[in-house]
Amino acid sequence: MSQRIHFFGFFISENNFILQVLCVHNKFNLAIMKYKHIFEPLDLGFTTLKNRVLMGSMHTGLEEEKNGYEKMAVYFAERAKGGVGLIVTGGISPNIQGWTAPFSARLSSKKHIKNHKKVTKAVHAEGGKICMQILHSGRYGYHPFNVGPSKIKAPINPFKPFKLNSFGINRTIKDFVNCAKLAKESGYDGIEIMGSEGYLINQFIAKRTNNRNDKYGGDYEKRMRLPVELVTKIRKAVGENFIIIYRLSMLDLVEKGSSWQEIVTLGKAIEKAGATIINTGIGWHESRIPTIATSVPRAAFTWVTKKMKEEISIPLVTSNRINMPETAEKVLAEGHADMISMARPFLADPEWVNKAKQEKDDEINTCIACNQACLDHAFQKKIASCLVNPRACHETELNYTKTTTKKKIAVIGAGPAGLAVSTIAAQRGHNVTLFEADSEIGGQFNMAKQIPGKEEFHETIRYFTKQIELQNVNLRLNTKVSTDDLKNSDFDEIVIATGIKPRQLNIEGVNHKKVLSYIDVLKHKKKVGKKVAVIGAGGIGFDVSEYLLHKGESTSQNIDAWLKEWGIDKSLEARSGIEGVKPEFTQSDREVFMFKRSKGKFGGNLGKTTGWIHRSNLKKKNVKFIGEVSYDKIDDQGLHYTQNEEKKVLEIDNVVICAGQLPFKELYQSLVDTGKNINIIGGADFASELDAKRAINQGARLAVKL
């Protein structure tokens, strides 16, 4: 017979009590059940990580900024509060020779400790753990006194390195050890030794960059001597209760890189030398194979880490293009790794882990791997940020605090700029109505998401759709707003985010039936023939060409097809994963000819870290690049043009105009003299390029001022 139990003033049966307790327990653990592998603690022996998510190393530029460590403290603390299990800082040099550039961050004396303690204290205050990455750039150092194992210049650097002699190597080892000891004194929970991506340690390991004949060169056992000595001596210096992560290059993707068996040999030696965790590095910076761009499939390289798990017993971390919980959970559940490393996704959303734990996947602001505001900024010596989250690395200046004066705001246009300003303004407490003439939100994103390799833009539209719901934005689709509508309204603020319109070219025959705009092709799906001239060699021209040449499933959605397309040997029998491997890709049955008026390389204004990928893709698909031309006319025969003073004609089925765009600001111009508070942002304000980074940033900053 069931007993009655007194529980918070109520008498319930024993069986019902047990049932209710189980229901409460399951309610709090439902998210963990969904992503049980992500949220399983990782016991390192002397310390435990609360989950399997590592925030990977990223150099943001704050390291060299005035008051940068104060800003980094806020930046990292926000990610620690967001739930990440372990953070790794951007690369910090152990000495001047190891700088990535003059006066870049280093930790080489006690005077540097004060700054680093600002970071560690802030992270620990939020219950987080943080390791500092020690990075010696070697021949990648962008300064005239860089060093390497041999005097072999990097193809991506104008400075030829000095060859380290025996004294220089011993000095470098001592500097690494000193740096690790100072990191411990600064309050870091551990360090990561950067042994991949083609930096100094990697340079010693590979024949490509090491032609020495002393004890640090020659056969592989000698070439791997430096990293093993580093781990051994650092472990001795810092003691047992300190995390040492070694970033191991598991796939070099350059000629004369390491073989798989050599990598395994080094991994085992690093484990024996005292590493706590081995992290996966993929590719050198000079590799001509993309590893983190948006066209790379999600989790494209985790199979490499899985193969290493058969050889190593300490925890392994996998990386590259993991940006959503479902992907991370699948990788862990299938035994590819013990931890997931994500870097850019924590620029996009510092609350990634907490949202995953609460099963709020649809609220995650997903990293789309565009590189436009993170890596491109880093290479331009700018502070890194994020296209979809302008607050990233600007947490001390851009905050979405609640307003004290609630306003009624109209936003016209639900493209990137309009979405940003409306959702953030509503988050701050304003009453926002968002008008959109089309039947869906997204603006130019709706065309971008159709380009093969840019499917991640679907995620950004999904994120803003959810934010509109969460922030109670009054969305009015299929609503074209007139000047009179706004003049006679009671809105306190009007934001014009009406976007752009394609630039009309002054060419005879531009209205010929053969002529299409990129909007005709991508939005209205007008039929395009087999032989096409694309006028314009900017981002739109490249995207349209990719779209026109696409055939079958996008390789960005199929890892095996993508690996074959880029000539990567999944069996790892080929040295470095690529030697002797011929790329395999499907050729299109459409011919594309890309034209531009100006001199210089095609796609010169594309992203610094991704432009070469787009150019490579079009070259593989036999696009003909025709530059320094003037356009004469378009008629039934085709496109008539002049090049080098020679008149030519190209017989084509269609001409697609991708020659830029102009601001669509007529509505704004009709309102400026009405006495209303009018704001203009995004493409409607400035349209020389389709720049979502600028549009979202501008929208966010306006929302803070309203």
Foldseek 3Di string as FASTA:
>chain_A
DWDWDQDPNDTDTPVVVVVVVVVVVCVLCVLCVVLVLQQDWADLPLDIFRGFEEADEADFLLQQDDCSLLLLLVQLLLLLLLPGREYEYHEAELDQLQALEPPGHHQPDLVCLVSLLSNLVSSVVSVYAYAYEHGRQALNRADQAHAACDQDHDPVHPHTYHHQDPVNLVVRLVSLLSRQLSRVVSNHQAYEYECAQPGRLQLLQFPVRHPDDDQSDDDNVSSNVSVLSSLLSNCVSPDQRGAYEYAQELFAQDPRGFFNVSSLVSQVSSVVSRHQEYEYDYYHLSHLADFAALLAAAPLPLLSQQVSVVRDDHFYEYEHRHWFSVSQSVSVVVRSTSHYYHHVQCLQPSNRVVCSSVVVRLQRRTASRHCFQGVLCVVVSHRGGGLNGRCNSVVVPFDLAADPDAFEEEEEAQALLSLLQQLSLLVNPHAYEYEELAQAHHVCLQLQCLFQSRVCSVSNSSNSVVSCVVSVHRYHYNDDDALVNVLPDPGQEYEYAHAWAADQDDAAACVPPQEAELCCCRPVVDDFDQEEEEEAQEPSSLRSLSNVFDDDDRCNNPSVLSCLQRQAASVSNDGSRHPPGDRDDDAGSGAYEYEYQDDDDGHPVRRPSCSSVSVVVVVVNPYHYYYNKAWHHQDCQGTWIADPNDIDGDRGRHYYYPHWIAAPQPSVVSCPPSPHHYHYAANNVPTRDNRSSRSSSVSSVVSSVD
